[in-house]
Amino acid sequence: MSIVVELFQVTKALYDLLEKPIARESRDETIEAVRRLLLQRDELIEQLKPPYTDEEQEMGIEIVSLNETINQKLEHLKQQIQQDLKATKQKKMANQNYVNPYQAISVDGMFYDKKR
């Protein structure tokens, strides 16, 4: 099997994995699978050597179009993770303020008495 065909299969598997909705509970497993597929794809890309047949060139065009969608899906996944981290941080701060409400009192202003 040629490297281009293997690369196409790995790219297609990555595309199929990212097309499914990712539940928060299984996100870690999905990220690990994406990481493995990306590493495998990276190794195959390093092994690519021209010349290519017409069929391999067509697969290359398909790989490029799949790659654009994969990049969009990965960016969307990254944004979801960032939002979850931000929400977790806000919950943590709210919980700390609830447990110790006087801890974060700032003393950045002063009161001046105008009486003489």
PDB file of N, CA and C in Angstrom:
ATOM      1  N   MET A   1       0.852  -1.169   0.000  1.00  0.00           N
ATOM      2  CA  MET A   1       0.000   0.000   0.000  1.00  0.00           C
ATOM      3  C   MET A   1       0.902   1.239   0.000  1.00  0.00           C
ATOM      4  N   SER A   2       0.552   2.212  -0.806  1.00  0.00           N
ATOM      5  CA  SER A   2       1.391   3.399  -0.905  1.00  0.00           C
ATOM      6  C   SER A   2       1.180   4.307   0.305  1.00  0.00           C
ATOM      7  N   ILE A   3       2.142   5.182   0.504  1.00  0.00           N
ATOM      8  CA  ILE A   3       2.103   6.116   1.625  1.00  0.00           C
ATOM      9  C   ILE A   3       0.902   7.058   1.496  1.00  0.00           C
ATOM     10  N   VAL A   4       0.594   7.459   0.262  1.00  0.00           N
ATOM     11  CA  VAL A   4      -0.516   8.394   0.043  1.00  0.00           C
ATOM     12  C   VAL A   4      -1.840   7.750   0.445  1.00  0.00           C
ATOM     13  N   VAL A   5      -2.002   6.471   0.130  1.00  0.00           N
ATOM     14  CA  VAL A   5      -3.243   5.770   0.494  1.00  0.00           C
ATOM     15  C   VAL A   5      -3.350   5.659   2.016  1.00  0.00           C
ATOM     16  N   GLU A   6      -2.243   5.318   2.668  1.00  0.00           N
ATOM     17  CA  GLU A   6      -2.244   5.242   4.133  1.00  0.00           C
ATOM     18  C   GLU A   6      -2.549   6.606   4.745  1.00  0.00           C
ATOM     19  N   LEU A   7      -1.936   7.655   4.183  1.00  0.00           N
ATOM     20  CA  LEU A   7      -2.179   9.005   4.666  1.00  0.00           C
ATOM     21  C   LEU A   7      -3.643   9.387   4.492  1.00  0.00           C
ATOM     22  N   PHE A   8      -4.228   9.020   3.369  1.00  0.00           N
ATOM     23  CA  PHE A   8      -5.637   9.303   3.131  1.00  0.00           C
ATOM     24  C   PHE A   8      -6.511   8.583   4.153  1.00  0.00           C
ATOM     25  N   GLN A   9      -6.190   7.325   4.443  1.00  0.00           N
ATOM     26  CA  GLN A   9      -6.985   6.555   5.397  1.00  0.00           C
ATOM     27  C   GLN A   9      -6.902   7.151   6.807  1.00  0.00           C
ATOM     28  N   VAL A  10      -5.708   7.559   7.213  1.00  0.00           N
ATOM     29  CA  VAL A  10      -5.543   8.145   8.550  1.00  0.00           C
ATOM     30  C   VAL A  10      -6.257   9.495   8.608  1.00  0.00           C
ATOM     31  N   THR A  11      -6.146  10.283   7.547  1.00  0.00           N
ATOM     32  CA  THR A  11      -6.822  11.582   7.503  1.00  0.00           C
ATOM     33  C   THR A  11      -8.331  11.397   7.541  1.00  0.00           C
ATOM     34  N   LYS A  12      -8.828  10.419   6.815  1.00  0.00           N
ATOM     35  CA  LYS A  12     -10.268  10.141   6.803  1.00  0.00           C
ATOM     36  C   LYS A  12     -10.734   9.677   8.190  1.00  0.00           C
ATOM     37  N   ALA A  13      -9.926   8.850   8.863  1.00  0.00           N
ATOM     38  CA  ALA A  13     -10.282   8.395  10.216  1.00  0.00           C
ATOM     39  C   ALA A  13     -10.327   9.582  11.176  1.00  0.00           C
ATOM     40  N   LEU A  14      -9.381  10.501  11.047  1.00  0.00           N
ATOM     41  CA  LEU A  14      -9.364  11.693  11.887  1.00  0.00           C
ATOM     42  C   LEU A  14     -10.583  12.563  11.601  1.00  0.00           C
ATOM     43  N   TYR A  15     -10.913  12.711  10.340  1.00  0.00           N
ATOM     44  CA  TYR A  15     -12.090  13.493   9.940  1.00  0.00           C
ATOM     45  C   TYR A  15     -13.363  12.873  10.520  1.00  0.00           C
ATOM     46  N   ASP A  16     -13.499  11.554  10.381  1.00  0.00           N
ATOM     47  CA  ASP A  16     -14.684  10.862  10.909  1.00  0.00           C
ATOM     48  C   ASP A  16     -14.787  10.998  12.428  1.00  0.00           C
ATOM     49  N   LEU A  17     -13.644  10.943  13.116  1.00  0.00           N
ATOM     50  CA  LEU A  17     -13.636  11.072  14.569  1.00  0.00           C
ATOM     51  C   LEU A  17     -14.097  12.461  15.001  1.00  0.00           C
ATOM     52  N   LEU A  18     -13.660  13.479  14.278  1.00  0.00           N
ATOM     53  CA  LEU A  18     -14.017  14.852  14.645  1.00  0.00           C
ATOM     54  C   LEU A  18     -15.415  15.235  14.188  1.00  0.00           C
ATOM     55  N   GLU A  19     -15.996  14.510  13.255  1.00  0.00           N
ATOM     56  CA  GLU A  19     -17.346  14.802  12.779  1.00  0.00           C
ATOM     57  C   GLU A  19     -18.407  14.427  13.809  1.00  0.00           C
ATOM     58  N   LYS A  20     -18.101  13.427  14.628  1.00  0.00           N
ATOM     59  CA  LYS A  20     -19.059  13.013  15.655  1.00  0.00           C
ATOM     60  C   LYS A  20     -19.099  14.058  16.761  1.00  0.00           C
ATOM     61  N   PRO A  21     -20.269  14.258  17.363  1.00  0.00           N
ATOM     62  CA  PRO A  21     -20.316  15.164  18.513  1.00  0.00           C
ATOM     63  C   PRO A  21     -19.491  14.584  19.667  1.00  0.00           C
ATOM     64  N   ILE A  22     -18.750  15.467  20.326  1.00  0.00           N
ATOM     65  CA  ILE A  22     -17.863  15.024  21.403  1.00  0.00           C
ATOM     66  C   ILE A  22     -18.505  15.372  22.739  1.00  0.00           C
ATOM     67  N   ALA A  23     -18.814  14.343  23.505  1.00  0.00           N
ATOM     68  CA  ALA A  23     -19.399  14.551  24.836  1.00  0.00           C
ATOM     69  C   ALA A  23     -18.299  14.959  25.807  1.00  0.00           C
ATOM     70  N   ARG A  24     -18.654  15.771  26.779  1.00  0.00           N
ATOM     71  CA  ARG A  24     -17.671  16.232  27.761  1.00  0.00           C
ATOM     72  C   ARG A  24     -17.055  15.073  28.539  1.00  0.00           C
ATOM     73  N   GLU A  25     -17.867  14.045  28.778  1.00  0.00           N
ATOM     74  CA  GLU A  25     -17.383  12.909  29.568  1.00  0.00           C
ATOM     75  C   GLU A  25     -16.317  12.105  28.808  1.00  0.00           C
ATOM     76  N   SER A  26     -16.427  12.048  27.503  1.00  0.00           N
ATOM     77  CA  SER A  26     -15.484  11.246  26.712  1.00  0.00           C
ATOM     78  C   SER A  26     -14.478  12.111  25.973  1.00  0.00           C
ATOM     79  N   ARG A  27     -14.364  13.369  26.355  1.00  0.00           N
ATOM     80  CA  ARG A  27     -13.474  14.277  25.620  1.00  0.00           C
ATOM     81  C   ARG A  27     -12.013  13.870  25.756  1.00  0.00           C
ATOM     82  N   ASP A  28     -11.592  13.413  26.927  1.00  0.00           N
ATOM     83  CA  ASP A  28     -10.196  13.024  27.117  1.00  0.00           C
ATOM     84  C   ASP A  28      -9.809  11.875  26.194  1.00  0.00           C
ATOM     85  N   GLU A  29     -10.687  10.882  26.078  1.00  0.00           N
ATOM     86  CA  GLU A  29     -10.400   9.753  25.203  1.00  0.00           C
ATOM     87  C   GLU A  29     -10.352  10.210  23.743  1.00  0.00           C
ATOM     88  N   THR A  30     -11.251  11.107  23.376  1.00  0.00           N
ATOM     89  CA  THR A  30     -11.272  11.608  22.008  1.00  0.00           C
ATOM     90  C   THR A  30     -10.012  12.402  21.704  1.00  0.00           C
ATOM     91  N   ILE A  31      -9.583  13.223  22.639  1.00  0.00           N
ATOM     92  CA  ILE A  31      -8.360  14.004  22.441  1.00  0.00           C
ATOM     93  C   ILE A  31      -7.154  13.088  22.295  1.00  0.00           C
ATOM     94  N   GLU A  32      -7.111  12.041  23.083  1.00  0.00           N
ATOM     95  CA  GLU A  32      -6.002  11.077  22.982  1.00  0.00           C
ATOM     96  C   GLU A  32      -6.018  10.384  21.611  1.00  0.00           C
ATOM     97  N   ALA A  33      -7.195  10.007  21.126  1.00  0.00           N
ATOM     98  CA  ALA A  33      -7.298   9.380  19.804  1.00  0.00           C
ATOM     99  C   ALA A  33      -6.888  10.359  18.710  1.00  0.00           C
ATOM    100  N   VAL A  34      -7.279  11.607  18.839  1.00  0.00           N
ATOM    101  CA  VAL A  34      -6.886  12.630  17.858  1.00  0.00           C
ATOM    102  C   VAL A  34      -5.378  12.800  17.872  1.00  0.00           C
ATOM    103  N   ARG A  35      -4.803  12.831  19.053  1.00  0.00           N
ATOM    104  CA  ARG A  35      -3.347  12.986  19.169  1.00  0.00           C
ATOM    105  C   ARG A  35      -2.607  11.837  18.496  1.00  0.00           C
ATOM    106  N   ARG A  36      -3.078  10.612  18.735  1.00  0.00           N
ATOM    107  CA  ARG A  36      -2.445   9.444  18.103  1.00  0.00           C
ATOM    108  C   ARG A  36      -2.536   9.515  16.582  1.00  0.00           C
ATOM    109  N   LEU A  37      -3.733   9.881  16.078  1.00  0.00           N
ATOM    110  CA  LEU A  37      -3.910   9.966  14.630  1.00  0.00           C
ATOM    111  C   LEU A  37      -3.054  11.083  14.028  1.00  0.00           C
ATOM    112  N   LEU A  38      -2.919  12.194  14.729  1.00  0.00           N
ATOM    113  CA  LEU A  38      -2.082  13.285  14.229  1.00  0.00           C
ATOM    114  C   LEU A  38      -0.610  12.884  14.186  1.00  0.00           C
ATOM    115  N   LEU A  39      -0.155  12.160  15.205  1.00  0.00           N
ATOM    116  CA  LEU A  39       1.228  11.680  15.206  1.00  0.00           C
ATOM    117  C   LEU A  39       1.470  10.694  14.067  1.00  0.00           C
ATOM    118  N   GLN A  40       0.521   9.795  13.867  1.00  0.00           N
ATOM    119  CA  GLN A  40       0.632   8.820  12.793  1.00  0.00           C
ATOM    120  C   GLN A  40       0.640   9.532  11.439  1.00  0.00           C
ATOM    121  N   ARG A  41      -0.200  10.528  11.304  1.00  0.00           N
ATOM    122  CA  ARG A  41      -0.271  11.273  10.051  1.00  0.00           C
ATOM    123  C   ARG A  41       1.015  12.060   9.809  1.00  0.00           C
ATOM    124  N   ASP A  42       1.588  12.609  10.867  1.00  0.00           N
ATOM    125  CA  ASP A  42       2.843  13.345  10.757  1.00  0.00           C
ATOM    126  C   ASP A  42       3.965  12.443  10.255  1.00  0.00           C
ATOM    127  N   GLU A  43       4.017  11.225  10.785  1.00  0.00           N
ATOM    128  CA  GLU A  43       5.039  10.268  10.342  1.00  0.00           C
ATOM    129  C   GLU A  43       4.866   9.929   8.860  1.00  0.00           C
ATOM    130  N   LEU A  44       3.615   9.758   8.440  1.00  0.00           N
ATOM    131  CA  LEU A  44       3.361   9.433   7.036  1.00  0.00           C
ATOM    132  C   LEU A  44       3.708  10.609   6.120  1.00  0.00           C
ATOM    133  N   ILE A  45       3.446  11.823   6.557  1.00  0.00           N
ATOM    134  CA  ILE A  45       3.772  12.996   5.743  1.00  0.00           C
ATOM    135  C   ILE A  45       5.281  13.107   5.544  1.00  0.00           C
ATOM    136  N   GLU A  46       6.046  12.770   6.577  1.00  0.00           N
ATOM    137  CA  GLU A  46       7.504  12.808   6.462  1.00  0.00           C
ATOM    138  C   GLU A  46       8.018  11.775   5.457  1.00  0.00           C
ATOM    139  N   GLN A  47       7.279  10.699   5.248  1.00  0.00           N
ATOM    140  CA  GLN A  47       7.695   9.640   4.335  1.00  0.00           C
ATOM    141  C   GLN A  47       7.284   9.897   2.883  1.00  0.00           C
ATOM    142  N   LEU A  48       6.501  10.935   2.636  1.00  0.00           N
ATOM    143  CA  LEU A  48       6.031  11.222   1.278  1.00  0.00           C
ATOM    144  C   LEU A  48       7.201  11.604   0.376  1.00  0.00           C
ATOM    145  N   LYS A  49       7.239  10.974  -0.799  1.00  0.00           N
ATOM    146  CA  LYS A  49       8.264  11.274  -1.789  1.00  0.00           C
ATOM    147  C   LYS A  49       7.618  11.261  -3.174  1.00  0.00           C
ATOM    148  N   PRO A  50       7.838  12.312  -3.978  1.00  0.00           N
ATOM    149  CA  PRO A  50       7.309  12.298  -5.339  1.00  0.00           C
ATOM    150  C   PRO A  50       8.097  11.310  -6.196  1.00  0.00           C
ATOM    151  N   PRO A  51       7.691  10.923  -7.304  1.00  0.00           N
ATOM    152  CA  PRO A  51       6.540  11.324  -8.115  1.00  0.00           C
ATOM    153  C   PRO A  51       5.270  10.595  -7.674  1.00  0.00           C
ATOM    154  N   TYR A  52       4.147  11.199  -7.995  1.00  0.00           N
ATOM    155  CA  TYR A  52       2.855  10.651  -7.615  1.00  0.00           C
ATOM    156  C   TYR A  52       2.069  10.272  -8.860  1.00  0.00           C
ATOM    157  N   THR A  53       1.275   9.241  -8.730  1.00  0.00           N
ATOM    158  CA  THR A  53       0.392   8.854  -9.833  1.00  0.00           C
ATOM    159  C   THR A  53      -0.807   9.798  -9.853  1.00  0.00           C
ATOM    160  N   ASP A  54      -1.593   9.706 -10.906  1.00  0.00           N
ATOM    161  CA  ASP A  54      -2.786  10.554 -11.001  1.00  0.00           C
ATOM    162  C   ASP A  54      -3.748  10.264  -9.858  1.00  0.00           C
ATOM    163  N   GLU A  55      -3.894   8.994  -9.527  1.00  0.00           N
ATOM    164  CA  GLU A  55      -4.787   8.609  -8.422  1.00  0.00           C
ATOM    165  C   GLU A  55      -4.292   9.191  -7.100  1.00  0.00           C
ATOM    166  N   GLU A  56      -2.981   9.154  -6.874  1.00  0.00           N
ATOM    167  CA  GLU A  56      -2.407   9.700  -5.643  1.00  0.00           C
ATOM    168  C   GLU A  56      -2.562  11.220  -5.592  1.00  0.00           C
ATOM    169  N   GLN A  57      -2.466  11.878  -6.741  1.00  0.00           N
ATOM    170  CA  GLN A  57      -2.670  13.327  -6.771  1.00  0.00           C
ATOM    171  C   GLN A  57      -4.108  13.685  -6.427  1.00  0.00           C
ATOM    172  N   GLU A  58      -5.068  12.901  -6.916  1.00  0.00           N
ATOM    173  CA  GLU A  58      -6.466  13.134  -6.572  1.00  0.00           C
ATOM    174  C   GLU A  58      -6.690  12.924  -5.074  1.00  0.00           C
ATOM    175  N   MET A  59      -6.055  11.885  -4.522  1.00  0.00           N
ATOM    176  CA  MET A  59      -6.158  11.658  -3.077  1.00  0.00           C
ATOM    177  C   MET A  59      -5.538  12.814  -2.311  1.00  0.00           C
ATOM    178  N   GLY A  60      -4.445  13.358  -2.823  1.00  0.00           N
ATOM    179  CA  GLY A  60      -3.797  14.498  -2.183  1.00  0.00           C
ATOM    180  C   GLY A  60      -4.711  15.708  -2.133  1.00  0.00           C
ATOM    181  N   ILE A  61      -5.454  15.946  -3.201  1.00  0.00           N
ATOM    182  CA  ILE A  61      -6.408  17.050  -3.233  1.00  0.00           C
ATOM    183  C   ILE A  61      -7.509  16.818  -2.194  1.00  0.00           C
ATOM    184  N   GLU A  62      -7.976  15.579  -2.114  1.00  0.00           N
ATOM    185  CA  GLU A  62      -9.008  15.232  -1.121  1.00  0.00           C
ATOM    186  C   GLU A  62      -8.464  15.384   0.295  1.00  0.00           C
ATOM    187  N   ILE A  63      -7.199  15.010   0.507  1.00  0.00           N
ATOM    188  CA  ILE A  63      -6.572  15.142   1.828  1.00  0.00           C
ATOM    189  C   ILE A  63      -6.510  16.610   2.234  1.00  0.00           C
ATOM    190  N   VAL A  64      -6.162  17.477   1.282  1.00  0.00           N
ATOM    191  CA  VAL A  64      -6.074  18.909   1.582  1.00  0.00           C
ATOM    192  C   VAL A  64      -7.447  19.467   1.965  1.00  0.00           C
ATOM    193  N   SER A  65      -8.491  19.051   1.235  1.00  0.00           N
ATOM    194  CA  SER A  65      -9.830  19.552   1.567  1.00  0.00           C
ATOM    195  C   SER A  65     -10.298  19.007   2.918  1.00  0.00           C
ATOM    196  N   LEU A  66     -10.000  17.739   3.217  1.00  0.00           N
ATOM    197  CA  LEU A  66     -10.345  17.177   4.521  1.00  0.00           C
ATOM    198  C   LEU A  66      -9.571  17.892   5.631  1.00  0.00           C
ATOM    199  N   ASN A  67      -8.324  18.244   5.327  1.00  0.00           N
ATOM    200  CA  ASN A  67      -7.478  18.901   6.322  1.00  0.00           C
ATOM    201  C   ASN A  67      -8.045  20.257   6.726  1.00  0.00           C
ATOM    202  N   GLU A  68      -8.633  20.981   5.799  1.00  0.00           N
ATOM    203  CA  GLU A  68      -9.236  22.277   6.130  1.00  0.00           C
ATOM    204  C   GLU A  68     -10.387  22.090   7.125  1.00  0.00           C
ATOM    205  N   THR A  69     -11.208  21.084   6.878  1.00  0.00           N
ATOM    206  CA  THR A  69     -12.323  20.804   7.796  1.00  0.00           C
ATOM    207  C   THR A  69     -11.796  20.335   9.144  1.00  0.00           C
ATOM    208  N   ILE A  70     -10.760  19.512   9.127  1.00  0.00           N
ATOM    209  CA  ILE A  70     -10.157  19.015  10.371  1.00  0.00           C
ATOM    210  C   ILE A  70      -9.629  20.187  11.198  1.00  0.00           C
ATOM    211  N   ASN A  71      -8.969  21.134  10.540  1.00  0.00           N
ATOM    212  CA  ASN A  71      -8.448  22.300  11.265  1.00  0.00           C
ATOM    213  C   ASN A  71      -9.571  23.100  11.906  1.00  0.00           C
ATOM    214  N   GLN A  72     -10.682  23.260  11.207  1.00  0.00           N
ATOM    215  CA  GLN A  72     -11.826  23.982  11.768  1.00  0.00           C
ATOM    216  C   GLN A  72     -12.394  23.247  12.979  1.00  0.00           C
ATOM    217  N   LYS A  73     -12.515  21.932  12.864  1.00  0.00           N
ATOM    218  CA  LYS A  73     -13.059  21.135  13.974  1.00  0.00           C
ATOM    219  C   LYS A  73     -12.128  21.179  15.187  1.00  0.00           C
ATOM    220  N   LEU A  74     -10.817  21.116  14.939  1.00  0.00           N
ATOM    221  CA  LEU A  74      -9.864  21.178  16.046  1.00  0.00           C
ATOM    222  C   LEU A  74      -9.901  22.550  16.721  1.00  0.00           C
ATOM    223  N   GLU A  75     -10.052  23.592  15.938  1.00  0.00           N
ATOM    224  CA  GLU A  75     -10.165  24.937  16.503  1.00  0.00           C
ATOM    225  C   GLU A  75     -11.424  25.058  17.354  1.00  0.00           C
ATOM    226  N   HIS A  76     -12.517  24.476  16.879  1.00  0.00           N
ATOM    227  CA  HIS A  76     -13.771  24.492  17.636  1.00  0.00           C
ATOM    228  C   HIS A  76     -13.613  23.723  18.952  1.00  0.00           C
ATOM    229  N   LEU A  77     -12.946  22.583  18.901  1.00  0.00           N
ATOM    230  CA  LEU A  77     -12.694  21.791  20.108  1.00  0.00           C
ATOM    231  C   LEU A  77     -11.830  22.578  21.087  1.00  0.00           C
ATOM    232  N   LYS A  78     -10.842  23.268  20.574  1.00  0.00           N
ATOM    233  CA  LYS A  78      -9.977  24.097  21.423  1.00  0.00           C
ATOM    234  C   LYS A  78     -10.788  25.195  22.103  1.00  0.00           C
ATOM    235  N   GLN A  79     -11.688  25.829  21.382  1.00  0.00           N
ATOM    236  CA  GLN A  79     -12.518  26.878  21.964  1.00  0.00           C
ATOM    237  C   GLN A  79     -13.435  26.323  23.043  1.00  0.00           C
ATOM    238  N   GLN A  80     -13.978  25.125  22.825  1.00  0.00           N
ATOM    239  CA  GLN A  80     -14.822  24.503  23.851  1.00  0.00           C
ATOM    240  C   GLN A  80     -14.024  24.259  25.130  1.00  0.00           C
ATOM    241  N   ILE A  81     -12.818  23.772  24.986  1.00  0.00           N
ATOM    242  CA  ILE A  81     -11.973  23.493  26.146  1.00  0.00           C
ATOM    243  C   ILE A  81     -11.634  24.790  26.871  1.00  0.00           C
ATOM    244  N   GLN A  82     -11.324  25.845  26.119  1.00  0.00           N
ATOM    245  CA  GLN A  82     -11.015  27.129  26.742  1.00  0.00           C
ATOM    246  C   GLN A  82     -12.222  27.673  27.504  1.00  0.00           C
ATOM    247  N   GLN A  83     -13.411  27.527  26.936  1.00  0.00           N
ATOM    248  CA  GLN A  83     -14.614  27.989  27.619  1.00  0.00           C
ATOM    249  C   GLN A  83     -14.850  27.205  28.902  1.00  0.00           C
ATOM    250  N   ASP A  84     -14.631  25.895  28.847  1.00  0.00           N
ATOM    251  CA  ASP A  84     -14.799  25.071  30.045  1.00  0.00           C
ATOM    252  C   ASP A  84     -13.789  25.453  31.126  1.00  0.00           C
ATOM    253  N   LEU A  85     -12.548  25.717  30.717  1.00  0.00           N
ATOM    254  CA  LEU A  85     -11.536  26.125  31.691  1.00  0.00           C
ATOM    255  C   LEU A  85     -11.888  27.475  32.316  1.00  0.00           C
ATOM    256  N   LYS A  86     -12.389  28.382  31.513  1.00  0.00           N
ATOM    257  CA  LYS A  86     -12.785  29.698  32.018  1.00  0.00           C
ATOM    258  C   LYS A  86     -13.955  29.565  32.997  1.00  0.00           C
ATOM    259  N   ALA A  87     -14.939  28.733  32.637  1.00  0.00           N
ATOM    260  CA  ALA A  87     -16.089  28.526  33.523  1.00  0.00           C
ATOM    261  C   ALA A  87     -15.654  27.874  34.829  1.00  0.00           C
ATOM    262  N   THR A  88     -14.737  26.923  34.753  1.00  0.00           N
ATOM    263  CA  THR A  88     -14.233  26.261  35.954  1.00  0.00           C
ATOM    264  C   THR A  88     -13.498  27.253  36.846  1.00  0.00           C
ATOM    265  N   LYS A  89     -12.721  28.121  36.236  1.00  0.00           N
ATOM    266  CA  LYS A  89     -11.987  29.131  37.009  1.00  0.00           C
ATOM    267  C   LYS A  89     -12.957  30.095  37.693  1.00  0.00           C
ATOM    268  N   GLN A  90     -14.011  30.496  36.984  1.00  0.00           N
ATOM    269  CA  GLN A  90     -14.991  31.398  37.575  1.00  0.00           C
ATOM    270  C   GLN A  90     -15.735  30.727  38.725  1.00  0.00           C
ATOM    271  N   LYS A  91     -16.068  29.452  38.565  1.00  0.00           N
ATOM    272  CA  LYS A  91     -16.744  28.725  39.646  1.00  0.00           C
ATOM    273  C   LYS A  91     -15.834  28.618  40.860  1.00  0.00           C
ATOM    274  N   LYS A  92     -14.564  28.388  40.624  1.00  0.00           N
ATOM    275  CA  LYS A  92     -13.611  28.264  41.722  1.00  0.00           C
ATOM    276  C   LYS A  92     -13.502  29.590  42.486  1.00  0.00           C
ATOM    277  N   MET A  93     -13.427  30.696  41.730  1.00  0.00           N
ATOM    278  CA  MET A  93     -13.340  32.004  42.380  1.00  0.00           C
ATOM    279  C   MET A  93     -14.628  32.314  43.142  1.00  0.00           C
ATOM    280  N   ALA A  94     -15.778  31.985  42.579  1.00  0.00           N
ATOM    281  CA  ALA A  94     -17.058  32.226  43.250  1.00  0.00           C
ATOM    282  C   ALA A  94     -17.147  31.399  44.524  1.00  0.00           C
ATOM    283  N   ASN A  95     -16.676  30.172  44.463  1.00  0.00           N
ATOM    284  CA  ASN A  95     -16.693  29.310  45.646  1.00  0.00           C
ATOM    285  C   ASN A  95     -15.775  29.870  46.731  1.00  0.00           C
ATOM    286  N   GLN A  96     -14.600  30.347  46.348  1.00  0.00           N
ATOM    287  CA  GLN A  96     -13.680  30.924  47.330  1.00  0.00           C
ATOM    288  C   GLN A  96     -14.284  32.175  47.959  1.00  0.00           C
ATOM    289  N   ASN A  97     -14.962  32.994  47.162  1.00  0.00           N
ATOM    290  CA  ASN A  97     -15.593  34.197  47.703  1.00  0.00           C
ATOM    291  C   ASN A  97     -16.754  33.848  48.628  1.00  0.00           C
ATOM    292  N   TYR A  98     -17.414  32.744  48.365  1.00  0.00           N
ATOM    293  CA  TYR A  98     -18.509  32.308  49.221  1.00  0.00           C
ATOM    294  C   TYR A  98     -17.978  31.786  50.552  1.00  0.00           C
ATOM    295  N   VAL A  99     -16.892  31.019  50.495  1.00  0.00           N
ATOM    296  CA  VAL A  99     -16.324  30.436  51.709  1.00  0.00           C
ATOM    297  C   VAL A  99     -15.693  31.525  52.575  1.00  0.00           C
ATOM    298  N   ASN A 100     -14.958  32.438  51.972  1.00  0.00           N
ATOM    299  CA  ASN A 100     -14.299  33.507  52.726  1.00  0.00           C
ATOM    300  C   ASN A 100     -14.604  34.841  52.036  1.00  0.00           C
ATOM    301  N   PRO A 101     -15.746  35.444  52.362  1.00  0.00           N
ATOM    302  CA  PRO A 101     -16.177  36.630  51.623  1.00  0.00           C
ATOM    303  C   PRO A 101     -15.320  37.870  51.864  1.00  0.00           C
ATOM    304  N   TYR A 102     -14.551  37.921  52.952  1.00  0.00           N
ATOM    305  CA  TYR A 102     -13.775  39.120  53.261  1.00  0.00           C
ATOM    306  C   TYR A 102     -12.321  39.000  52.843  1.00  0.00           C
ATOM    307  N   GLN A 103     -11.973  37.942  52.179  1.00  0.00           N
ATOM    308  CA  GLN A 103     -10.590  37.728  51.778  1.00  0.00           C
ATOM    309  C   GLN A 103     -10.176  38.692  50.665  1.00  0.00           C
ATOM    310  N   ALA A 104     -11.048  38.977  49.740  1.00  0.00           N
ATOM    311  CA  ALA A 104     -10.691  39.757  48.562  1.00  0.00           C
ATOM    312  C   ALA A 104     -11.081  41.224  48.669  1.00  0.00           C
ATOM    313  N   ILE A 105     -11.110  41.742  49.861  1.00  0.00           N
ATOM    314  CA  ILE A 105     -11.459  43.158  50.020  1.00  0.00           C
ATOM    315  C   ILE A 105     -10.260  43.995  49.597  1.00  0.00           C
ATOM    316  N   SER A 106     -10.512  44.935  48.699  1.00  0.00           N
ATOM    317  CA  SER A 106      -9.421  45.781  48.240  1.00  0.00           C
ATOM    318  C   SER A 106      -9.461  47.107  48.992  1.00  0.00           C
ATOM    319  N   VAL A 107      -8.296  47.626  49.252  1.00  0.00           N
ATOM    320  CA  VAL A 107      -8.182  48.885  49.963  1.00  0.00           C
ATOM    321  C   VAL A 107      -7.542  49.872  48.993  1.00  0.00           C
ATOM    322  N   ASP A 108      -8.233  50.153  47.912  1.00  0.00           N
ATOM    323  CA  ASP A 108      -7.650  50.999  46.892  1.00  0.00           C
ATOM    324  C   ASP A 108      -8.175  52.427  46.951  1.00  0.00           C
ATOM    325  N   GLY A 109      -9.055  52.736  47.849  1.00  0.00           N
ATOM    326  CA  GLY A 109      -9.581  54.087  47.954  1.00  0.00           C
ATOM    327  C   GLY A 109      -9.498  54.585  49.382  1.00  0.00           C
ATOM    328  N   MET A 110      -9.629  55.867  49.523  1.00  0.00           N
ATOM    329  CA  MET A 110      -9.593  56.454  50.858  1.00  0.00           C
ATOM    330  C   MET A 110     -10.759  57.423  50.981  1.00  0.00           C
ATOM    331  N   PHE A 111     -11.118  57.678  52.223  1.00  0.00           N
ATOM    332  CA  PHE A 111     -12.162  58.648  52.489  1.00  0.00           C
ATOM    333  C   PHE A 111     -11.502  59.869  53.129  1.00  0.00           C
ATOM    334  N   TYR A 112     -11.762  61.025  52.578  1.00  0.00           N
ATOM    335  CA  TYR A 112     -11.231  62.268  53.144  1.00  0.00           C
ATOM    336  C   TYR A 112     -12.371  63.036  53.809  1.00  0.00           C
ATOM    337  N   ASP A 113     -12.149  63.405  55.026  1.00  0.00           N
ATOM    338  CA  ASP A 113     -13.123  64.192  55.771  1.00  0.00           C
ATOM    339  C   ASP A 113     -12.860  65.655  55.464  1.00  0.00           C
ATOM    340  N   LYS A 114     -13.876  66.377  54.999  1.00  0.00           N
ATOM    341  CA  LYS A 114     -13.675  67.760  54.589  1.00  0.00           C
ATOM    342  C   LYS A 114     -13.902  68.738  55.750  1.00  0.00           C
ATOM    343  N   LYS A 115     -14.200  68.254  56.929  1.00  0.00           N
ATOM    344  CA  LYS A 115     -14.402  69.147  58.072  1.00  0.00           C
ATOM    345  C   LYS A 115     -13.044  69.632  58.569  1.00  0.00           C
ATOM    346  N   ARG A 116     -13.020  70.864  59.076  1.00  0.00           N
ATOM    347  CA  ARG A 116     -11.775  71.384  59.650  1.00  0.00           C
ATOM    348  C   ARG A 116     -11.930  71.679  61.081  1.00  0.00           C
TER     349      ARG A 116
END
